[in-house]
Amino acid sequence: MFRVWGKIFKNNHMLKDITVCNSTSDTRTHKVFHALDEVCYAFDLSKPIWLDSNVREFQRHARTRFYQDSFVDDIYFDFLEFHVIEED
């Protein structure tokens, strides 16, 4: 099972969260992108841009934060945290 936890924070308070599960035989990269799509759909957000800092942080820690500079549209929160919590 592959599980990702998506969380929206404003002023150090979690406003929303969702857990996305994926048990397909897809590659890890595809699972990550599908999970991010589902998180953004659930929160009604545009898809964030993966900046180099996001990629490095995600490769090291299996988590990253998307701030305003990753989004084309204005956001009503401080950041979206994207965290892999379980991998098979």
PDB file of N, CA and C in Angstrom:
ATOM      1  N   MET A   1       0.846  -1.182   0.000  1.00  0.00           N
ATOM      2  CA  MET A   1       0.000   0.000   0.000  1.00  0.00           C
ATOM      3  C   MET A   1       0.890   1.243   0.000  1.00  0.00           C
ATOM      4  N   PHE A   2       0.533   2.190  -0.802  1.00  0.00           N
ATOM      5  CA  PHE A   2       1.229   3.473  -0.895  1.00  0.00           C
ATOM      6  C   PHE A   2       0.258   4.538  -0.394  1.00  0.00           C
ATOM      7  N   ARG A   3       0.642   5.274   0.659  1.00  0.00           N
ATOM      8  CA  ARG A   3      -0.250   6.280   1.225  1.00  0.00           C
ATOM      9  C   ARG A   3       0.467   7.625   1.314  1.00  0.00           C
ATOM     10  N   VAL A   4      -0.284   8.663   0.975  1.00  0.00           N
ATOM     11  CA  VAL A   4       0.231  10.030   1.025  1.00  0.00           C
ATOM     12  C   VAL A   4      -0.724  10.864   1.863  1.00  0.00           C
ATOM     13  N   TRP A   5      -0.142  11.749   2.654  1.00  0.00           N
ATOM     14  CA  TRP A   5      -0.921  12.643   3.492  1.00  0.00           C
ATOM     15  C   TRP A   5      -0.747  14.068   2.974  1.00  0.00           C
ATOM     16  N   GLY A   6      -1.828  14.685   2.544  1.00  0.00           N
ATOM     17  CA  GLY A   6      -1.805  16.068   2.091  1.00  0.00           C
ATOM     18  C   GLY A   6      -2.446  16.956   3.133  1.00  0.00           C
ATOM     19  N   LYS A   7      -1.772  18.077   3.475  1.00  0.00           N
ATOM     20  CA  LYS A   7      -2.263  18.960   4.529  1.00  0.00           C
ATOM     21  C   LYS A   7      -2.119  20.411   4.089  1.00  0.00           C
ATOM     22  N   ILE A   8      -3.107  21.230   4.439  1.00  0.00           N
ATOM     23  CA  ILE A   8      -3.050  22.664   4.181  1.00  0.00           C
ATOM     24  C   ILE A   8      -2.908  23.382   5.519  1.00  0.00           C
ATOM     25  N   PHE A   9      -1.928  24.299   5.589  1.00  0.00           N
ATOM     26  CA  PHE A   9      -1.654  25.036   6.817  1.00  0.00           C
ATOM     27  C   PHE A   9      -1.788  26.536   6.596  1.00  0.00           C
ATOM     28  N   LYS A  10      -2.316  27.215   7.601  1.00  0.00           N
ATOM     29  CA  LYS A  10      -2.345  28.681   7.638  1.00  0.00           C
ATOM     30  C   LYS A  10      -2.088  29.092   9.077  1.00  0.00           C
ATOM     31  N   ASN A  11      -1.105  29.975   9.264  1.00  0.00           N
ATOM     32  CA  ASN A  11      -0.722  30.455  10.608  1.00  0.00           C
ATOM     33  C   ASN A  11      -0.440  29.298  11.564  1.00  0.00           C
ATOM     34  N   ASN A  12       0.279  28.304  11.081  1.00  0.00           N
ATOM     35  CA  ASN A  12       0.670  27.125  11.858  1.00  0.00           C
ATOM     36  C   ASN A  12      -0.502  26.288  12.357  1.00  0.00           C
ATOM     37  N   HIS A  13      -1.648  26.401  11.701  1.00  0.00           N
ATOM     38  CA  HIS A  13      -2.801  25.569  12.013  1.00  0.00           C
ATOM     39  C   HIS A  13      -3.192  24.782  10.771  1.00  0.00           C
ATOM     40  N   MET A  14      -3.439  23.496  10.965  1.00  0.00           N
ATOM     41  CA  MET A  14      -3.868  22.673   9.850  1.00  0.00           C
ATOM     42  C   MET A  14      -5.338  22.959   9.562  1.00  0.00           C
ATOM     43  N   LEU A  15      -5.629  23.398   8.341  1.00  0.00           N
ATOM     44  CA  LEU A  15      -6.996  23.706   7.955  1.00  0.00           C
ATOM     45  C   LEU A  15      -7.713  22.480   7.407  1.00  0.00           C
ATOM     46  N   LYS A  16      -7.021  21.723   6.559  1.00  0.00           N
ATOM     47  CA  LYS A  16      -7.604  20.540   5.917  1.00  0.00           C
ATOM     48  C   LYS A  16      -6.530  19.477   5.783  1.00  0.00           C
ATOM     49  N   ASP A  17      -6.969  18.236   5.732  1.00  0.00           N
ATOM     50  CA  ASP A  17      -6.036  17.155   5.420  1.00  0.00           C
ATOM     51  C   ASP A  17      -6.779  16.032   4.725  1.00  0.00           C
ATOM     52  N   ILE A  18      -6.022  15.237   4.009  1.00  0.00           N
ATOM     53  CA  ILE A  18      -6.577  14.091   3.289  1.00  0.00           C
ATOM     54  C   ILE A  18      -5.478  13.042   3.176  1.00  0.00           C
ATOM     55  N   THR A  19      -5.883  11.792   3.227  1.00  0.00           N
ATOM     56  CA  THR A  19      -4.966  10.682   2.995  1.00  0.00           C
ATOM     57  C   THR A  19      -5.381  10.000   1.704  1.00  0.00           C
ATOM     58  N   VAL A  20      -4.410   9.819   0.821  1.00  0.00           N
ATOM     59  CA  VAL A  20      -4.654   9.183  -0.465  1.00  0.00           C
ATOM     60  C   VAL A  20      -3.950   7.831  -0.464  1.00  0.00           C
ATOM     61  N   CYS A  21      -4.686   6.784  -0.783  1.00  0.00           N
ATOM     62  CA  CYS A  21      -4.137   5.425  -0.831  1.00  0.00           C
ATOM     63  C   CYS A  21      -4.074   4.946  -2.271  1.00  0.00           C
ATOM     64  N   ASN A  22      -3.025   4.178  -2.573  1.00  0.00           N
ATOM     65  CA  ASN A  22      -2.857   3.643  -3.921  1.00  0.00           C
ATOM     66  C   ASN A  22      -2.243   2.258  -3.797  1.00  0.00           C
ATOM     67  N   SER A  23      -2.925   1.248  -4.304  1.00  0.00           N
ATOM     68  CA  SER A  23      -2.408  -0.118  -4.231  1.00  0.00           C
ATOM     69  C   SER A  23      -2.132  -0.697  -5.618  1.00  0.00           C
ATOM     70  N   THR A  24      -2.009   0.167  -6.614  1.00  0.00           N
ATOM     71  CA  THR A  24      -1.727  -0.303  -7.967  1.00  0.00           C
ATOM     72  C   THR A  24      -0.267  -0.718  -8.086  1.00  0.00           C
ATOM     73  N   SER A  25       0.079  -1.291  -9.207  1.00  0.00           N
ATOM     74  CA  SER A  25       1.462  -1.708  -9.441  1.00  0.00           C
ATOM     75  C   SER A  25       2.229  -0.657 -10.250  1.00  0.00           C
ATOM     76  N   ASP A  26       1.757   0.576 -10.225  1.00  0.00           N
ATOM     77  CA  ASP A  26       2.423   1.683 -10.914  1.00  0.00           C
ATOM     78  C   ASP A  26       3.796   1.951 -10.302  1.00  0.00           C
ATOM     79  N   THR A  27       4.587   2.756 -10.978  1.00  0.00           N
ATOM     80  CA  THR A  27       5.878   3.151 -10.423  1.00  0.00           C
ATOM     81  C   THR A  27       5.658   4.144  -9.294  1.00  0.00           C
ATOM     82  N   ARG A  28       6.666   4.318  -8.451  1.00  0.00           N
ATOM     83  CA  ARG A  28       6.557   5.258  -7.333  1.00  0.00           C
ATOM     84  C   ARG A  28       6.290   6.668  -7.838  1.00  0.00           C
ATOM     85  N   THR A  29       6.956   7.064  -8.903  1.00  0.00           N
ATOM     86  CA  THR A  29       6.776   8.406  -9.461  1.00  0.00           C
ATOM     87  C   THR A  29       5.333   8.630  -9.898  1.00  0.00           C
ATOM     88  N   HIS A  30       4.763   7.648 -10.597  1.00  0.00           N
ATOM     89  CA  HIS A  30       3.375   7.775 -11.026  1.00  0.00           C
ATOM     90  C   HIS A  30       2.427   7.842  -9.828  1.00  0.00           C
ATOM     91  N   LYS A  31       2.711   7.045  -8.807  1.00  0.00           N
ATOM     92  CA  LYS A  31       1.878   7.074  -7.606  1.00  0.00           C
ATOM     93  C   LYS A  31       1.935   8.441  -6.932  1.00  0.00           C
ATOM     94  N   VAL A  32       3.124   9.037  -6.885  1.00  0.00           N
ATOM     95  CA  VAL A  32       3.283  10.360  -6.275  1.00  0.00           C
ATOM     96  C   VAL A  32       2.482  11.398  -7.049  1.00  0.00           C
ATOM     97  N   PHE A  33       2.609  11.405  -8.372  1.00  0.00           N
ATOM     98  CA  PHE A  33       1.895  12.396  -9.183  1.00  0.00           C
ATOM     99  C   PHE A  33       0.379  12.187  -9.129  1.00  0.00           C
ATOM    100  N   HIS A  34      -0.071  10.939  -9.128  1.00  0.00           N
ATOM    101  CA  HIS A  34      -1.509  10.670  -9.016  1.00  0.00           C
ATOM    102  C   HIS A  34      -2.036  11.128  -7.648  1.00  0.00           C
ATOM    103  N   ALA A  35      -1.261  10.886  -6.610  1.00  0.00           N
ATOM    104  CA  ALA A  35      -1.677  11.310  -5.272  1.00  0.00           C
ATOM    105  C   ALA A  35      -1.762  12.831  -5.184  1.00  0.00           C
ATOM    106  N   LEU A  36      -0.789  13.528  -5.762  1.00  0.00           N
ATOM    107  CA  LEU A  36      -0.831  14.991  -5.752  1.00  0.00           C
ATOM    108  C   LEU A  36      -2.040  15.499  -6.532  1.00  0.00           C
ATOM    109  N   ASP A  37      -2.352  14.859  -7.649  1.00  0.00           N
ATOM    110  CA  ASP A  37      -3.555  15.221  -8.408  1.00  0.00           C
ATOM    111  C   ASP A  37      -4.810  15.061  -7.552  1.00  0.00           C
ATOM    112  N   GLU A  38      -4.901  13.953  -6.811  1.00  0.00           N
ATOM    113  CA  GLU A  38      -6.072  13.705  -5.976  1.00  0.00           C
ATOM    114  C   GLU A  38      -6.177  14.705  -4.831  1.00  0.00           C
ATOM    115  N   VAL A  39      -5.042  15.043  -4.228  1.00  0.00           N
ATOM    116  CA  VAL A  39      -5.029  16.031  -3.147  1.00  0.00           C
ATOM    117  C   VAL A  39      -5.506  17.381  -3.670  1.00  0.00           C
ATOM    118  N   CYS A  40      -4.972  17.798  -4.800  1.00  0.00           N
ATOM    119  CA  CYS A  40      -5.362  19.085  -5.377  1.00  0.00           C
ATOM    120  C   CYS A  40      -6.827  19.095  -5.790  1.00  0.00           C
ATOM    121  N   TYR A  41      -7.315  17.992  -6.312  1.00  0.00           N
ATOM    122  CA  TYR A  41      -8.728  17.902  -6.687  1.00  0.00           C
ATOM    123  C   TYR A  41      -9.623  18.011  -5.445  1.00  0.00           C
ATOM    124  N   ALA A  42      -9.245  17.301  -4.380  1.00  0.00           N
ATOM    125  CA  ALA A  42     -10.041  17.317  -3.154  1.00  0.00           C
ATOM    126  C   ALA A  42     -10.070  18.704  -2.515  1.00  0.00           C
ATOM    127  N   PHE A  43      -8.957  19.443  -2.605  1.00  0.00           N
ATOM    128  CA  PHE A  43      -8.872  20.772  -2.003  1.00  0.00           C
ATOM    129  C   PHE A  43      -9.236  21.882  -2.991  1.00  0.00           C
ATOM    130  N   ASP A  44      -9.612  21.511  -4.219  1.00  0.00           N
ATOM    131  CA  ASP A  44      -9.967  22.470  -5.268  1.00  0.00           C
ATOM    132  C   ASP A  44      -8.825  23.461  -5.527  1.00  0.00           C
ATOM    133  N   LEU A  45      -7.632  22.904  -5.771  1.00  0.00           N
ATOM    134  CA  LEU A  45      -6.438  23.704  -6.025  1.00  0.00           C
ATOM    135  C   LEU A  45      -5.910  23.433  -7.421  1.00  0.00           C
ATOM    136  N   SER A  46      -5.200  24.409  -7.964  1.00  0.00           N
ATOM    137  CA  SER A  46      -4.451  24.141  -9.187  1.00  0.00           C
ATOM    138  C   SER A  46      -3.235  23.299  -8.797  1.00  0.00           C
ATOM    139  N   LYS A  47      -2.694  22.564  -9.737  1.00  0.00           N
ATOM    140  CA  LYS A  47      -1.550  21.707  -9.442  1.00  0.00           C
ATOM    141  C   LYS A  47      -0.306  22.576  -9.246  1.00  0.00           C
ATOM    142  N   PRO A  48       0.446  22.319  -8.184  1.00  0.00           N
ATOM    143  CA  PRO A  48       1.657  23.108  -7.953  1.00  0.00           C
ATOM    144  C   PRO A  48       2.789  22.684  -8.893  1.00  0.00           C
ATOM    145  N   ILE A  49       3.706  23.589  -9.077  1.00  0.00           N
ATOM    146  CA  ILE A  49       4.897  23.333  -9.885  1.00  0.00           C
ATOM    147  C   ILE A  49       5.978  22.772  -8.967  1.00  0.00           C
ATOM    148  N   TRP A  50       6.612  21.701  -9.405  1.00  0.00           N
ATOM    149  CA  TRP A  50       7.708  21.107  -8.636  1.00  0.00           C
ATOM    150  C   TRP A  50       8.970  21.925  -8.894  1.00  0.00           C
ATOM    151  N   LEU A  51       9.341  22.771  -7.956  1.00  0.00           N
ATOM    152  CA  LEU A  51      10.586  23.519  -8.053  1.00  0.00           C
ATOM    153  C   LEU A  51      11.739  22.610  -7.642  1.00  0.00           C
ATOM    154  N   ASP A  52      12.967  23.023  -7.979  1.00  0.00           N
ATOM    155  CA  ASP A  52      14.127  22.208  -7.620  1.00  0.00           C
ATOM    156  C   ASP A  52      14.198  21.947  -6.118  1.00  0.00           C
ATOM    157  N   SER A  53      13.848  22.944  -5.331  1.00  0.00           N
ATOM    158  CA  SER A  53      13.876  22.772  -3.869  1.00  0.00           C
ATOM    159  C   SER A  53      12.860  21.720  -3.417  1.00  0.00           C
ATOM    160  N   ASN A  54      11.700  21.675  -4.069  1.00  0.00           N
ATOM    161  CA  ASN A  54      10.697  20.661  -3.737  1.00  0.00           C
ATOM    162  C   ASN A  54      11.203  19.267  -4.081  1.00  0.00           C
ATOM    163  N   VAL A  55      11.806  19.137  -5.236  1.00  0.00           N
ATOM    164  CA  VAL A  55      12.319  17.833  -5.673  1.00  0.00           C
ATOM    165  C   VAL A  55      13.396  17.331  -4.709  1.00  0.00           C
ATOM    166  N   ARG A  56      14.347  18.196  -4.362  1.00  0.00           N
ATOM    167  CA  ARG A  56      15.422  17.796  -3.437  1.00  0.00           C
ATOM    168  C   ARG A  56      14.867  17.393  -2.072  1.00  0.00           C
ATOM    169  N   GLU A  57      13.957  18.201  -1.540  1.00  0.00           N
ATOM    170  CA  GLU A  57      13.371  17.905  -0.240  1.00  0.00           C
ATOM    171  C   GLU A  57      12.588  16.593  -0.278  1.00  0.00           C
ATOM    172  N   PHE A  58      11.844  16.368  -1.350  1.00  0.00           N
ATOM    173  CA  PHE A  58      11.053  15.143  -1.468  1.00  0.00           C
ATOM    174  C   PHE A  58      11.953  13.917  -1.611  1.00  0.00           C
ATOM    175  N   GLN A  59      13.038  14.042  -2.350  1.00  0.00           N
ATOM    176  CA  GLN A  59      13.963  12.917  -2.505  1.00  0.00           C
ATOM    177  C   GLN A  59      14.630  12.556  -1.179  1.00  0.00           C
ATOM    178  N   ARG A  60      14.941  13.541  -0.373  1.00  0.00           N
ATOM    179  CA  ARG A  60      15.618  13.294   0.903  1.00  0.00           C
ATOM    180  C   ARG A  60      14.688  12.777   1.995  1.00  0.00           C
ATOM    181  N   HIS A  61      13.493  13.389   2.086  1.00  0.00           N
ATOM    182  CA  HIS A  61      12.649  13.143   3.247  1.00  0.00           C
ATOM    183  C   HIS A  61      11.270  12.562   2.937  1.00  0.00           C
ATOM    184  N   ALA A  62      10.955  12.340   1.669  1.00  0.00           N
ATOM    185  CA  ALA A  62       9.637  11.846   1.238  1.00  0.00           C
ATOM    186  C   ALA A  62       8.528  12.799   1.682  1.00  0.00           C
ATOM    187  N   ARG A  63       8.867  14.089   1.745  1.00  0.00           N
ATOM    188  CA  ARG A  63       7.887  15.132   2.076  1.00  0.00           C
ATOM    189  C   ARG A  63       8.382  16.443   1.509  1.00  0.00           C
ATOM    190  N   THR A  64       7.428  17.310   1.191  1.00  0.00           N
ATOM    191  CA  THR A  64       7.775  18.643   0.723  1.00  0.00           C
ATOM    192  C   THR A  64       6.629  19.585   1.027  1.00  0.00           C
ATOM    193  N   ARG A  65       6.936  20.866   0.963  1.00  0.00           N
ATOM    194  CA  ARG A  65       5.927  21.902   1.164  1.00  0.00           C
ATOM    195  C   ARG A  65       5.873  22.773  -0.079  1.00  0.00           C
ATOM    196  N   PHE A  66       4.666  22.985  -0.557  1.00  0.00           N
ATOM    197  CA  PHE A  66       4.444  23.851  -1.704  1.00  0.00           C
ATOM    198  C   PHE A  66       3.931  25.194  -1.198  1.00  0.00           C
ATOM    199  N   TYR A  67       4.715  26.249  -1.423  1.00  0.00           N
ATOM    200  CA  TYR A  67       4.342  27.602  -1.024  1.00  0.00           C
ATOM    201  C   TYR A  67       3.740  28.342  -2.217  1.00  0.00           C
ATOM    202  N   GLN A  68       3.424  29.622  -2.034  1.00  0.00           N
ATOM    203  CA  GLN A  68       2.802  30.424  -3.078  1.00  0.00           C
ATOM    204  C   GLN A  68       3.599  30.399  -4.380  1.00  0.00           C
ATOM    205  N   ASP A  69       4.914  30.362  -4.305  1.00  0.00           N
ATOM    206  CA  ASP A  69       5.722  30.398  -5.526  1.00  0.00           C
ATOM    207  C   ASP A  69       5.585  29.138  -6.379  1.00  0.00           C
ATOM    208  N   SER A  70       4.985  28.078  -5.837  1.00  0.00           N
ATOM    209  CA  SER A  70       4.749  26.857  -6.611  1.00  0.00           C
ATOM    210  C   SER A  70       3.396  26.856  -7.312  1.00  0.00           C
ATOM    211  N   PHE A  71       2.548  27.808  -6.970  1.00  0.00           N
ATOM    212  CA  PHE A  71       1.207  27.868  -7.539  1.00  0.00           C
ATOM    213  C   PHE A  71       1.076  29.042  -8.501  1.00  0.00           C
ATOM    214  N   VAL A  72       0.355  28.839  -9.582  1.00  0.00           N
ATOM    215  CA  VAL A  72       0.100  29.909 -10.543  1.00  0.00           C
ATOM    216  C   VAL A  72      -0.968  30.851  -9.976  1.00  0.00           C
ATOM    217  N   ASP A  73      -2.002  30.269  -9.353  1.00  0.00           N
ATOM    218  CA  ASP A  73      -3.083  31.060  -8.760  1.00  0.00           C
ATOM    219  C   ASP A  73      -2.708  31.501  -7.347  1.00  0.00           C
ATOM    220  N   ASP A  74      -3.411  32.516  -6.849  1.00  0.00           N
ATOM    221  CA  ASP A  74      -3.238  32.911  -5.450  1.00  0.00           C
ATOM    222  C   ASP A  74      -3.834  31.824  -4.557  1.00  0.00           C
ATOM    223  N   ILE A  75      -3.199  31.603  -3.419  1.00  0.00           N
ATOM    224  CA  ILE A  75      -3.687  30.599  -2.481  1.00  0.00           C
ATOM    225  C   ILE A  75      -4.115  31.282  -1.189  1.00  0.00           C
ATOM    226  N   TYR A  76      -5.053  30.681  -0.488  1.00  0.00           N
ATOM    227  CA  TYR A  76      -5.614  31.256   0.733  1.00  0.00           C
ATOM    228  C   TYR A  76      -4.923  30.722   1.985  1.00  0.00           C
ATOM    229  N   PHE A  77      -3.871  29.940   1.823  1.00  0.00           N
ATOM    230  CA  PHE A  77      -3.179  29.308   2.937  1.00  0.00           C
ATOM    231  C   PHE A  77      -1.684  29.593   2.804  1.00  0.00           C
ATOM    232  N   ASP A  78      -0.917  29.186   3.800  1.00  0.00           N
ATOM    233  CA  ASP A  78       0.526  29.432   3.780  1.00  0.00           C
ATOM    234  C   ASP A  78       1.284  28.391   2.956  1.00  0.00           C
ATOM    235  N   PHE A  79       0.931  27.112   3.125  1.00  0.00           N
ATOM    236  CA  PHE A  79       1.594  26.064   2.344  1.00  0.00           C
ATOM    237  C   PHE A  79       0.774  24.789   2.328  1.00  0.00           C
ATOM    238  N   LEU A  80       1.040  23.975   1.309  1.00  0.00           N
ATOM    239  CA  LEU A  80       0.484  22.632   1.174  1.00  0.00           C
ATOM    240  C   LEU A  80       1.618  21.665   1.470  1.00  0.00           C
ATOM    241  N   GLU A  81       1.440  20.830   2.479  1.00  0.00           N
ATOM    242  CA  GLU A  81       2.455  19.830   2.798  1.00  0.00           C
ATOM    243  C   GLU A  81       2.035  18.505   2.182  1.00  0.00           C
ATOM    244  N   PHE A  82       2.979  17.854   1.557  1.00  0.00           N
ATOM    245  CA  PHE A  82       2.749  16.607   0.832  1.00  0.00           C
ATOM    246  C   PHE A  82       3.738  15.593   1.380  1.00  0.00           C
ATOM    247  N   HIS A  83       3.242  14.514   1.996  1.00  0.00           N
ATOM    248  CA  HIS A  83       4.091  13.620   2.777  1.00  0.00           C
ATOM    249  C   HIS A  83       3.727  12.155   2.512  1.00  0.00           C
ATOM    250  N   VAL A  84       4.696  11.374   2.062  1.00  0.00           N
ATOM    251  CA  VAL A  84       4.495   9.928   1.898  1.00  0.00           C
ATOM    252  C   VAL A  84       4.583   9.291   3.283  1.00  0.00           C
ATOM    253  N   ILE A  85       3.521   8.621   3.706  1.00  0.00           N
ATOM    254  CA  ILE A  85       3.505   8.029   5.031  1.00  0.00           C
ATOM    255  C   ILE A  85       3.640   6.511   5.029  1.00  0.00           C
ATOM    256  N   GLU A  86       3.455   5.896   3.865  1.00  0.00           N
ATOM    257  CA  GLU A  86       3.627   4.445   3.788  1.00  0.00           C
ATOM    258  C   GLU A  86       3.949   4.038   2.358  1.00  0.00           C
ATOM    259  N   GLU A  87       4.948   3.199   2.235  1.00  0.00           N
ATOM    260  CA  GLU A  87       5.299   2.629   0.926  1.00  0.00           C
ATOM    261  C   GLU A  87       5.401   1.129   1.062  1.00  0.00           C
ATOM    262  N   ASP A  88       5.036   0.417  -0.031  1.00  0.00           N
ATOM    263  CA  ASP A  88       5.157  -1.029   0.039  1.00  0.00           C
ATOM    264  C   ASP A  88       6.505  -1.510  -0.362  1.00  0.00           C
TER     265      ASP A  88
END
